[in-house]
Amino acid sequence: MHRLEQIVILLISDERMADLHRRFLNQSGPTDVITFQHGEIFISVPTAKRQGREFGTSTLAEIELYVVHGLLHLSGFDDRTPVSRRRMRAAEARVLRNAAV
């Protein structure tokens, strides 16, 4: 893993996210967060709003989760298998719990 000079977090629309999702992951429709290994974390704000309503959290809480998720990807975490997904969810919970004021 290489050291990044900077990390850029971009808050985007579902339309832009769906385009990125199709172009880079060959999947249709928007998703919550896409992370690129050069340090870009793209977050769909409309998806954060929908997920917040669905899970009973705020849009901001969802965006915070997506930022942590993206940073974990940049740190080498993966969520492609059930085991790696559980590891990532546990790491997300630890980071968010420790960040709470």
PDB file of N, CA and C in Angstrom:
ATOM      1  N   MET A   1       0.849  -1.173   0.000  1.00  0.00           N
ATOM      2  CA  MET A   1       0.000   0.000   0.000  1.00  0.00           C
ATOM      3  C   MET A   1       0.901   1.245   0.000  1.00  0.00           C
ATOM      4  N   HIS A   2       0.513   2.222  -0.774  1.00  0.00           N
ATOM      5  CA  HIS A   2       1.310   3.443  -0.869  1.00  0.00           C
ATOM      6  C   HIS A   2       0.706   4.551   0.000  1.00  0.00           C
ATOM      7  N   ARG A   3       1.552   5.480   0.366  1.00  0.00           N
ATOM      8  CA  ARG A   3       1.124   6.621   1.185  1.00  0.00           C
ATOM      9  C   ARG A   3       0.496   7.668   0.268  1.00  0.00           C
ATOM     10  N   LEU A   4      -0.675   8.150   0.663  1.00  0.00           N
ATOM     11  CA  LEU A   4      -1.382   9.151  -0.131  1.00  0.00           C
ATOM     12  C   LEU A   4      -0.953  10.551   0.278  1.00  0.00           C
ATOM     13  N   GLU A   5      -0.799  11.404  -0.707  1.00  0.00           N
ATOM     14  CA  GLU A   5      -0.505  12.821  -0.445  1.00  0.00           C
ATOM     15  C   GLU A   5      -1.728  13.535   0.106  1.00  0.00           C
ATOM     16  N   GLN A   6      -2.897  13.159  -0.414  1.00  0.00           N
ATOM     17  CA  GLN A   6      -4.139  13.779   0.034  1.00  0.00           C
ATOM     18  C   GLN A   6      -5.298  12.831  -0.194  1.00  0.00           C
ATOM     19  N   ILE A   7      -6.374  13.087   0.526  1.00  0.00           N
ATOM     20  CA  ILE A   7      -7.626  12.360   0.336  1.00  0.00           C
ATOM     21  C   ILE A   7      -8.680  13.403   0.013  1.00  0.00           C
ATOM     22  N   VAL A   8      -9.452  13.137  -1.036  1.00  0.00           N
ATOM     23  CA  VAL A   8     -10.487  14.059  -1.478  1.00  0.00           C
ATOM     24  C   VAL A   8     -11.838  13.377  -1.295  1.00  0.00           C
ATOM     25  N   ILE A   9     -12.744  14.050  -0.609  1.00  0.00           N
ATOM     26  CA  ILE A   9     -14.098  13.530  -0.409  1.00  0.00           C
ATOM     27  C   ILE A   9     -15.042  14.400  -1.221  1.00  0.00           C
ATOM     28  N   LEU A  10     -15.764  13.764  -2.136  1.00  0.00           N
ATOM     29  CA  LEU A  10     -16.690  14.491  -3.015  1.00  0.00           C
ATOM     30  C   LEU A  10     -18.115  14.059  -2.727  1.00  0.00           C
ATOM     31  N   LEU A  11     -18.984  15.017  -2.447  1.00  0.00           N
ATOM     32  CA  LEU A  11     -20.406  14.774  -2.224  1.00  0.00           C
ATOM     33  C   LEU A  11     -21.116  14.999  -3.549  1.00  0.00           C
ATOM     34  N   ILE A  12     -21.754  13.946  -4.049  1.00  0.00           N
ATOM     35  CA  ILE A  12     -22.288  13.993  -5.408  1.00  0.00           C
ATOM     36  C   ILE A  12     -23.751  13.546  -5.450  1.00  0.00           C
ATOM     37  N   SER A  13     -24.344  13.680  -6.634  1.00  0.00           N
ATOM     38  CA  SER A  13     -25.739  13.282  -6.863  1.00  0.00           C
ATOM     39  C   SER A  13     -25.824  11.785  -7.157  1.00  0.00           C
ATOM     40  N   ASP A  14     -27.032  11.255  -7.074  1.00  0.00           N
ATOM     41  CA  ASP A  14     -27.263   9.859  -7.452  1.00  0.00           C
ATOM     42  C   ASP A  14     -26.929   9.623  -8.922  1.00  0.00           C
ATOM     43  N   GLU A  15     -27.214  10.614  -9.764  1.00  0.00           N
ATOM     44  CA  GLU A  15     -26.935  10.455 -11.194  1.00  0.00           C
ATOM     45  C   GLU A  15     -25.436  10.287 -11.442  1.00  0.00           C
ATOM     46  N   ARG A  16     -24.646  11.128 -10.807  1.00  0.00           N
ATOM     47  CA  ARG A  16     -23.179  11.033 -10.951  1.00  0.00           C
ATOM     48  C   ARG A  16     -22.670   9.713 -10.370  1.00  0.00           C
ATOM     49  N   MET A  17     -23.232   9.308  -9.234  1.00  0.00           N
ATOM     50  CA  MET A  17     -22.826   8.057  -8.606  1.00  0.00           C
ATOM     51  C   MET A  17     -23.186   6.868  -9.494  1.00  0.00           C
ATOM     52  N   ALA A  18     -24.368   6.883 -10.082  1.00  0.00           N
ATOM     53  CA  ALA A  18     -24.771   5.791 -10.969  1.00  0.00           C
ATOM     54  C   ALA A  18     -23.813   5.689 -12.155  1.00  0.00           C
ATOM     55  N   ASP A  19     -23.372   6.834 -12.675  1.00  0.00           N
ATOM     56  CA  ASP A  19     -22.414   6.843 -13.775  1.00  0.00           C
ATOM     57  C   ASP A  19     -21.088   6.208 -13.340  1.00  0.00           C
ATOM     58  N   LEU A  20     -20.570   6.617 -12.193  1.00  0.00           N
ATOM     59  CA  LEU A  20     -19.321   6.039 -11.683  1.00  0.00           C
ATOM     60  C   LEU A  20     -19.477   4.544 -11.412  1.00  0.00           C
ATOM     61  N   HIS A  21     -20.591   4.167 -10.826  1.00  0.00           N
ATOM     62  CA  HIS A  21     -20.869   2.777 -10.485  1.00  0.00           C
ATOM     63  C   HIS A  21     -20.862   1.902 -11.745  1.00  0.00           C
ATOM     64  N   ARG A  22     -21.480   2.420 -12.803  1.00  0.00           N
ATOM     65  CA  ARG A  22     -21.519   1.685 -14.075  1.00  0.00           C
ATOM     66  C   ARG A  22     -20.142   1.641 -14.724  1.00  0.00           C
ATOM     67  N   ARG A  23     -19.477   2.790 -14.802  1.00  0.00           N
ATOM     68  CA  ARG A  23     -18.192   2.875 -15.515  1.00  0.00           C
ATOM     69  C   ARG A  23     -17.076   2.094 -14.838  1.00  0.00           C
ATOM     70  N   PHE A  24     -17.024   2.131 -13.515  1.00  0.00           N
ATOM     71  CA  PHE A  24     -15.876   1.541 -12.834  1.00  0.00           C
ATOM     72  C   PHE A  24     -16.153   0.201 -12.165  1.00  0.00           C
ATOM     73  N   LEU A  25     -17.421  -0.078 -11.843  1.00  0.00           N
ATOM     74  CA  LEU A  25     -17.745  -1.337 -11.171  1.00  0.00           C
ATOM     75  C   LEU A  25     -18.712  -2.199 -11.977  1.00  0.00           C
ATOM     76  N   ASN A  26     -19.099  -1.697 -13.159  1.00  0.00           N
ATOM     77  CA  ASN A  26     -19.988  -2.426 -14.062  1.00  0.00           C
ATOM     78  C   ASN A  26     -21.297  -2.840 -13.381  1.00  0.00           C
ATOM     79  N   GLN A  27     -21.827  -1.944 -12.547  1.00  0.00           N
ATOM     80  CA  GLN A  27     -23.092  -2.191 -11.861  1.00  0.00           C
ATOM     81  C   GLN A  27     -24.028  -1.010 -12.104  1.00  0.00           C
ATOM     82  N   SER A  28     -25.305  -1.304 -12.234  1.00  0.00           N
ATOM     83  CA  SER A  28     -26.249  -0.235 -12.529  1.00  0.00           C
ATOM     84  C   SER A  28     -26.779   0.404 -11.245  1.00  0.00           C
ATOM     85  N   GLY A  29     -27.205   1.636 -11.386  1.00  0.00           N
ATOM     86  CA  GLY A  29     -27.806   2.377 -10.287  1.00  0.00           C
ATOM     87  C   GLY A  29     -26.779   2.983  -9.350  1.00  0.00           C
ATOM     88  N   PRO A  30     -27.251   3.895  -8.503  1.00  0.00           N
ATOM     89  CA  PRO A  30     -26.335   4.538  -7.558  1.00  0.00           C
ATOM     90  C   PRO A  30     -25.988   3.598  -6.405  1.00  0.00           C
ATOM     91  N   THR A  31     -24.936   3.917  -5.705  1.00  0.00           N
ATOM     92  CA  THR A  31     -24.554   3.253  -4.466  1.00  0.00           C
ATOM     93  C   THR A  31     -24.204   4.334  -3.465  1.00  0.00           C
ATOM     94  N   ASP A  32     -23.896   3.972  -2.248  1.00  0.00           N
ATOM     95  CA  ASP A  32     -23.647   4.988  -1.227  1.00  0.00           C
ATOM     96  C   ASP A  32     -22.275   5.628  -1.335  1.00  0.00           C
ATOM     97  N   VAL A  33     -21.225   4.811  -1.519  1.00  0.00           N
ATOM     98  CA  VAL A  33     -19.857   5.341  -1.528  1.00  0.00           C
ATOM     99  C   VAL A  33     -18.988   4.505  -2.460  1.00  0.00           C
ATOM    100  N   ILE A  34     -18.147   5.170  -3.214  1.00  0.00           N
ATOM    101  CA  ILE A  34     -17.139   4.511  -4.047  1.00  0.00           C
ATOM    102  C   ILE A  34     -15.796   5.152  -3.712  1.00  0.00           C
ATOM    103  N   THR A  35     -14.817   4.303  -3.460  1.00  0.00           N
ATOM    104  CA  THR A  35     -13.481   4.767  -3.102  1.00  0.00           C
ATOM    105  C   THR A  35     -12.493   4.344  -4.175  1.00  0.00           C
ATOM    106  N   PHE A  36     -11.662   5.274  -4.589  1.00  0.00           N
ATOM    107  CA  PHE A  36     -10.599   4.979  -5.548  1.00  0.00           C
ATOM    108  C   PHE A  36      -9.270   5.035  -4.806  1.00  0.00           C
ATOM    109  N   GLN A  37      -8.377   4.142  -5.146  1.00  0.00           N
ATOM    110  CA  GLN A  37      -7.127   3.970  -4.410  1.00  0.00           C
ATOM    111  C   GLN A  37      -6.162   5.152  -4.513  1.00  0.00           C
ATOM    112  N   HIS A  38      -6.470   6.124  -5.348  1.00  0.00           N
ATOM    113  CA  HIS A  38      -5.630   7.332  -5.397  1.00  0.00           C
ATOM    114  C   HIS A  38      -6.086   8.366  -4.381  1.00  0.00           C
ATOM    115  N   GLY A  39      -7.103   8.007  -3.568  1.00  0.00           N
ATOM    116  CA  GLY A  39      -7.523   8.875  -2.477  1.00  0.00           C
ATOM    117  C   GLY A  39      -8.827   9.605  -2.682  1.00  0.00           C
ATOM    118  N   GLU A  40      -9.612   9.215  -3.677  1.00  0.00           N
ATOM    119  CA  GLU A  40     -10.904   9.871  -3.898  1.00  0.00           C
ATOM    120  C   GLU A  40     -12.007   9.024  -3.275  1.00  0.00           C
ATOM    121  N   ILE A  41     -12.855   9.685  -2.489  1.00  0.00           N
ATOM    122  CA  ILE A  41     -14.022   9.038  -1.903  1.00  0.00           C
ATOM    123  C   ILE A  41     -15.244   9.804  -2.398  1.00  0.00           C
ATOM    124  N   PHE A  42     -16.071   9.132  -3.206  1.00  0.00           N
ATOM    125  CA  PHE A  42     -17.290   9.728  -3.739  1.00  0.00           C
ATOM    126  C   PHE A  42     -18.463   9.256  -2.888  1.00  0.00           C
ATOM    127  N   ILE A  43     -19.284  10.200  -2.430  1.00  0.00           N
ATOM    128  CA  ILE A  43     -20.422   9.900  -1.566  1.00  0.00           C
ATOM    129  C   ILE A  43     -21.682  10.471  -2.196  1.00  0.00           C
ATOM    130  N   SER A  44     -22.713   9.626  -2.296  1.00  0.00           N
ATOM    131  CA  SER A  44     -23.998  10.073  -2.823  1.00  0.00           C
ATOM    132  C   SER A  44     -24.847  10.642  -1.691  1.00  0.00           C
ATOM    133  N   VAL A  45     -25.091  11.938  -1.740  1.00  0.00           N
ATOM    134  CA  VAL A  45     -25.902  12.597  -0.709  1.00  0.00           C
ATOM    135  C   VAL A  45     -27.359  12.124  -0.753  1.00  0.00           C
ATOM    136  N   PRO A  46     -27.994  12.009  -1.934  1.00  0.00           N
ATOM    137  CA  PRO A  46     -29.372  11.510  -1.937  1.00  0.00           C
ATOM    138  C   PRO A  46     -29.486  10.099  -1.351  1.00  0.00           C
ATOM    139  N   THR A  47     -28.486   9.258  -1.600  1.00  0.00           N
ATOM    140  CA  THR A  47     -28.511   7.909  -1.026  1.00  0.00           C
ATOM    141  C   THR A  47     -28.362   7.997   0.487  1.00  0.00           C
ATOM    142  N   ALA A  48     -27.513   8.887   0.974  1.00  0.00           N
ATOM    143  CA  ALA A  48     -27.358   9.071   2.425  1.00  0.00           C
ATOM    144  C   ALA A  48     -28.684   9.510   3.051  1.00  0.00           C
ATOM    145  N   LYS A  49     -29.408  10.390   2.374  1.00  0.00           N
ATOM    146  CA  LYS A  49     -30.715  10.835   2.878  1.00  0.00           C
ATOM    147  C   LYS A  49     -31.691   9.666   2.944  1.00  0.00           C
ATOM    148  N   ARG A  50     -31.755   8.871   1.867  1.00  0.00           N
ATOM    149  CA  ARG A  50     -32.663   7.715   1.839  1.00  0.00           C
ATOM    150  C   ARG A  50     -32.297   6.690   2.905  1.00  0.00           C
ATOM    151  N   GLN A  51     -31.013   6.381   3.006  1.00  0.00           N
ATOM    152  CA  GLN A  51     -30.565   5.391   3.991  1.00  0.00           C
ATOM    153  C   GLN A  51     -30.811   5.897   5.413  1.00  0.00           C
ATOM    154  N   GLY A  52     -30.611   7.184   5.624  1.00  0.00           N
ATOM    155  CA  GLY A  52     -30.882   7.761   6.936  1.00  0.00           C
ATOM    156  C   GLY A  52     -32.332   7.557   7.344  1.00  0.00           C
ATOM    157  N   ARG A  53     -33.237   7.834   6.420  1.00  0.00           N
ATOM    158  CA  ARG A  53     -34.664   7.612   6.705  1.00  0.00           C
ATOM    159  C   ARG A  53     -34.933   6.137   6.963  1.00  0.00           C
ATOM    160  N   GLU A  54     -34.347   5.271   6.132  1.00  0.00           N
ATOM    161  CA  GLU A  54     -34.586   3.831   6.236  1.00  0.00           C
ATOM    162  C   GLU A  54     -34.049   3.266   7.555  1.00  0.00           C
ATOM    163  N   PHE A  55     -32.877   3.720   7.986  1.00  0.00           N
ATOM    164  CA  PHE A  55     -32.241   3.160   9.179  1.00  0.00           C
ATOM    165  C   PHE A  55     -32.462   4.001  10.438  1.00  0.00           C
ATOM    166  N   GLY A  56     -33.221   5.099  10.308  1.00  0.00           N
ATOM    167  CA  GLY A  56     -33.525   5.925  11.474  1.00  0.00           C
ATOM    168  C   GLY A  56     -32.339   6.729  11.971  1.00  0.00           C
ATOM    169  N   THR A  57     -31.455   7.107  11.039  1.00  0.00           N
ATOM    170  CA  THR A  57     -30.320   7.951  11.391  1.00  0.00           C
ATOM    171  C   THR A  57     -30.429   9.246  10.589  1.00  0.00           C
ATOM    172  N   SER A  58     -29.512  10.143  10.819  1.00  0.00           N
ATOM    173  CA  SER A  58     -29.523  11.392  10.066  1.00  0.00           C
ATOM    174  C   SER A  58     -28.691  11.251   8.787  1.00  0.00           C
ATOM    175  N   THR A  59     -28.896  12.172   7.875  1.00  0.00           N
ATOM    176  CA  THR A  59     -28.077  12.217   6.664  1.00  0.00           C
ATOM    177  C   THR A  59     -26.609  12.379   7.039  1.00  0.00           C
ATOM    178  N   LEU A  60     -26.345  13.240   8.011  1.00  0.00           N
ATOM    179  CA  LEU A  60     -24.965  13.463   8.446  1.00  0.00           C
ATOM    180  C   LEU A  60     -24.339  12.187   9.007  1.00  0.00           C
ATOM    181  N   ALA A  61     -25.087  11.439   9.802  1.00  0.00           N
ATOM    182  CA  ALA A  61     -24.565  10.179  10.360  1.00  0.00           C
ATOM    183  C   ALA A  61     -24.237   9.198   9.243  1.00  0.00           C
ATOM    184  N   GLU A  62     -25.078   9.145   8.226  1.00  0.00           N
ATOM    185  CA  GLU A  62     -24.805   8.267   7.087  1.00  0.00           C
ATOM    186  C   GLU A  62     -23.543   8.709   6.348  1.00  0.00           C
ATOM    187  N   ILE A  63     -23.408  10.005   6.126  1.00  0.00           N
ATOM    188  CA  ILE A  63     -22.218  10.519   5.430  1.00  0.00           C
ATOM    189  C   ILE A  63     -20.966  10.220   6.252  1.00  0.00           C
ATOM    190  N   GLU A  64     -21.043  10.382   7.563  1.00  0.00           N
ATOM    191  CA  GLU A  64     -19.900  10.051   8.420  1.00  0.00           C
ATOM    192  C   GLU A  64     -19.527   8.573   8.263  1.00  0.00           C
ATOM    193  N   LEU A  65     -20.533   7.704   8.246  1.00  0.00           N
ATOM    194  CA  LEU A  65     -20.286   6.274   8.052  1.00  0.00           C
ATOM    195  C   LEU A  65     -19.608   6.029   6.713  1.00  0.00           C
ATOM    196  N   TYR A  66     -20.074   6.699   5.651  1.00  0.00           N
ATOM    197  CA  TYR A  66     -19.503   6.496   4.317  1.00  0.00           C
ATOM    198  C   TYR A  66     -18.058   6.990   4.245  1.00  0.00           C
ATOM    199  N   VAL A  67     -17.772   8.096   4.948  1.00  0.00           N
ATOM    200  CA  VAL A  67     -16.388   8.590   4.983  1.00  0.00           C
ATOM    201  C   VAL A  67     -15.500   7.551   5.665  1.00  0.00           C
ATOM    202  N   VAL A  68     -15.938   7.036   6.802  1.00  0.00           N
ATOM    203  CA  VAL A  68     -15.165   6.008   7.508  1.00  0.00           C
ATOM    204  C   VAL A  68     -14.996   4.785   6.623  1.00  0.00           C
ATOM    205  N   HIS A  69     -16.055   4.380   5.964  1.00  0.00           N
ATOM    206  CA  HIS A  69     -16.015   3.224   5.059  1.00  0.00           C
ATOM    207  C   HIS A  69     -14.958   3.440   3.971  1.00  0.00           C
ATOM    208  N   GLY A  70     -14.972   4.613   3.368  1.00  0.00           N
ATOM    209  CA  GLY A  70     -13.998   4.927   2.324  1.00  0.00           C
ATOM    210  C   GLY A  70     -12.575   4.945   2.860  1.00  0.00           C
ATOM    211  N   LEU A  71     -12.393   5.520   4.039  1.00  0.00           N
ATOM    212  CA  LEU A  71     -11.055   5.561   4.637  1.00  0.00           C
ATOM    213  C   LEU A  71     -10.555   4.155   4.970  1.00  0.00           C
ATOM    214  N   LEU A  72     -11.453   3.291   5.410  1.00  0.00           N
ATOM    215  CA  LEU A  72     -11.056   1.910   5.682  1.00  0.00           C
ATOM    216  C   LEU A  72     -10.638   1.201   4.399  1.00  0.00           C
ATOM    217  N   HIS A  73     -11.371   1.464   3.303  1.00  0.00           N
ATOM    218  CA  HIS A  73     -10.945   0.899   2.008  1.00  0.00           C
ATOM    219  C   HIS A  73      -9.534   1.371   1.674  1.00  0.00           C
ATOM    220  N   LEU A  74      -9.266   2.643   1.882  1.00  0.00           N
ATOM    221  CA  LEU A  74      -7.932   3.184   1.586  1.00  0.00           C
ATOM    222  C   LEU A  74      -6.865   2.604   2.514  1.00  0.00           C
ATOM    223  N   SER A  75      -7.298   2.084   3.665  1.00  0.00           N
ATOM    224  CA  SER A  75      -6.370   1.476   4.623  1.00  0.00           C
ATOM    225  C   SER A  75      -6.194  -0.025   4.388  1.00  0.00           C
ATOM    226  N   GLY A  76      -6.853  -0.530   3.341  1.00  0.00           N
ATOM    227  CA  GLY A  76      -6.671  -1.938   3.000  1.00  0.00           C
ATOM    228  C   GLY A  76      -7.829  -2.853   3.341  1.00  0.00           C
ATOM    229  N   PHE A  77      -8.884  -2.333   3.943  1.00  0.00           N
ATOM    230  CA  PHE A  77     -10.044  -3.170   4.236  1.00  0.00           C
ATOM    231  C   PHE A  77     -10.812  -3.460   2.959  1.00  0.00           C
ATOM    232  N   ASP A  78     -11.500  -4.586   2.963  1.00  0.00           N
ATOM    233  CA  ASP A  78     -12.288  -5.034   1.824  1.00  0.00           C
ATOM    234  C   ASP A  78     -13.646  -5.469   2.363  1.00  0.00           C
ATOM    235  N   ASP A  79     -14.654  -5.453   1.514  1.00  0.00           N
ATOM    236  CA  ASP A  79     -15.979  -5.921   1.935  1.00  0.00           C
ATOM    237  C   ASP A  79     -16.633  -6.788   0.868  1.00  0.00           C
ATOM    238  N   ARG A  80     -15.822  -7.537   0.145  1.00  0.00           N
ATOM    239  CA  ARG A  80     -16.347  -8.363  -0.948  1.00  0.00           C
ATOM    240  C   ARG A  80     -16.867  -9.718  -0.504  1.00  0.00           C
ATOM    241  N   THR A  81     -16.418 -10.199   0.639  1.00  0.00           N
ATOM    242  CA  THR A  81     -16.873 -11.501   1.137  1.00  0.00           C
ATOM    243  C   THR A  81     -17.597 -11.293   2.461  1.00  0.00           C
ATOM    244  N   PRO A  82     -18.400 -12.253   2.888  1.00  0.00           N
ATOM    245  CA  PRO A  82     -19.078 -12.100   4.186  1.00  0.00           C
ATOM    246  C   PRO A  82     -18.109 -11.891   5.353  1.00  0.00           C
ATOM    247  N   VAL A  83     -16.998 -12.609   5.361  1.00  0.00           N
ATOM    248  CA  VAL A  83     -16.030 -12.474   6.452  1.00  0.00           C
ATOM    249  C   VAL A  83     -15.387 -11.087   6.431  1.00  0.00           C
ATOM    250  N   SER A  84     -14.945 -10.631   5.258  1.00  0.00           N
ATOM    251  CA  SER A  84     -14.308  -9.313   5.178  1.00  0.00           C
ATOM    252  C   SER A  84     -15.327  -8.208   5.444  1.00  0.00           C
ATOM    253  N   ARG A  85     -16.573  -8.426   5.071  1.00  0.00           N
ATOM    254  CA  ARG A  85     -17.626  -7.435   5.331  1.00  0.00           C
ATOM    255  C   ARG A  85     -17.856  -7.292   6.840  1.00  0.00           C
ATOM    256  N   ARG A  86     -17.865  -8.417   7.563  1.00  0.00           N
ATOM    257  CA  ARG A  86     -18.026  -8.364   9.023  1.00  0.00           C
ATOM    258  C   ARG A  86     -16.853  -7.631   9.666  1.00  0.00           C
ATOM    259  N   ARG A  87     -15.636  -7.897   9.185  1.00  0.00           N
ATOM    260  CA  ARG A  87     -14.458  -7.208   9.714  1.00  0.00           C
ATOM    261  C   ARG A  87     -14.571  -5.702   9.492  1.00  0.00           C
ATOM    262  N   MET A  88     -15.035  -5.325   8.287  1.00  0.00           N
ATOM    263  CA  MET A  88     -15.158  -3.907   7.979  1.00  0.00           C
ATOM    264  C   MET A  88     -16.235  -3.262   8.843  1.00  0.00           C
ATOM    265  N   ARG A  89     -17.377  -3.920   9.000  1.00  0.00           N
ATOM    266  CA  ARG A  89     -18.461  -3.363   9.828  1.00  0.00           C
ATOM    267  C   ARG A  89     -17.989  -3.161  11.271  1.00  0.00           C
ATOM    268  N   ALA A  90     -17.218  -4.131  11.792  1.00  0.00           N
ATOM    269  CA  ALA A  90     -16.699  -4.010  13.152  1.00  0.00           C
ATOM    270  C   ALA A  90     -15.727  -2.830  13.249  1.00  0.00           C
ATOM    271  N   ALA A  91     -14.873  -2.665  12.243  1.00  0.00           N
ATOM    272  CA  ALA A  91     -13.929  -1.540  12.231  1.00  0.00           C
ATOM    273  C   ALA A  91     -14.677  -0.216  12.133  1.00  0.00           C
ATOM    274  N   GLU A  92     -15.717  -0.160  11.295  1.00  0.00           N
ATOM    275  CA  GLU A  92     -16.523   1.063  11.190  1.00  0.00           C
ATOM    276  C   GLU A  92     -17.108   1.428  12.548  1.00  0.00           C
ATOM    277  N   ALA A  93     -17.682   0.432  13.217  1.00  0.00           N
ATOM    278  CA  ALA A  93     -18.299   0.683  14.527  1.00  0.00           C
ATOM    279  C   ALA A  93     -17.267   1.181  15.534  1.00  0.00           C
ATOM    280  N   ARG A  94     -16.074   0.597  15.535  1.00  0.00           N
ATOM    281  CA  ARG A  94     -15.014   1.044  16.450  1.00  0.00           C
ATOM    282  C   ARG A  94     -14.615   2.489  16.175  1.00  0.00           C
ATOM    283  N   VAL A  95     -14.413   2.806  14.906  1.00  0.00           N
ATOM    284  CA  VAL A  95     -13.997   4.173  14.557  1.00  0.00           C
ATOM    285  C   VAL A  95     -15.086   5.169  14.951  1.00  0.00           C
ATOM    286  N   LEU A  96     -16.326   4.876  14.607  1.00  0.00           N
ATOM    287  CA  LEU A  96     -17.411   5.809  14.896  1.00  0.00           C
ATOM    288  C   LEU A  96     -17.644   5.941  16.404  1.00  0.00           C
ATOM    289  N   ARG A  97     -17.511   4.855  17.132  1.00  0.00           N
ATOM    290  CA  ARG A  97     -17.670   4.904  18.595  1.00  0.00           C
ATOM    291  C   ARG A  97     -16.559   5.749  19.221  1.00  0.00           C
ATOM    292  N   ASN A  98     -15.328   5.573  18.740  1.00  0.00           N
ATOM    293  CA  ASN A  98     -14.195   6.329  19.280  1.00  0.00           C
ATOM    294  C   ASN A  98     -14.216   7.787  18.864  1.00  0.00           C
ATOM    295  N   ALA A  99     -14.889   8.096  17.754  1.00  0.00           N
ATOM    296  CA  ALA A  99     -14.952   9.482  17.267  1.00  0.00           C
ATOM    297  C   ALA A  99     -16.072  10.262  17.939  1.00  0.00           C
ATOM    298  N   ALA A 100     -17.005   9.552  18.563  1.00  0.00           N
ATOM    299  CA  ALA A 100     -18.153  10.224  19.190  1.00  0.00           C
ATOM    300  C   ALA A 100     -17.676  11.097  20.340  1.00  0.00           C
ATOM    301  N   VAL A 101     -18.268  12.280  20.405  1.00  0.00           N
ATOM    302  CA  VAL A 101     -17.892  13.225  21.464  1.00  0.00           C
ATOM    303  C   VAL A 101     -18.950  13.243  22.531  1.00  0.00           C
TER     304      VAL A 101
END
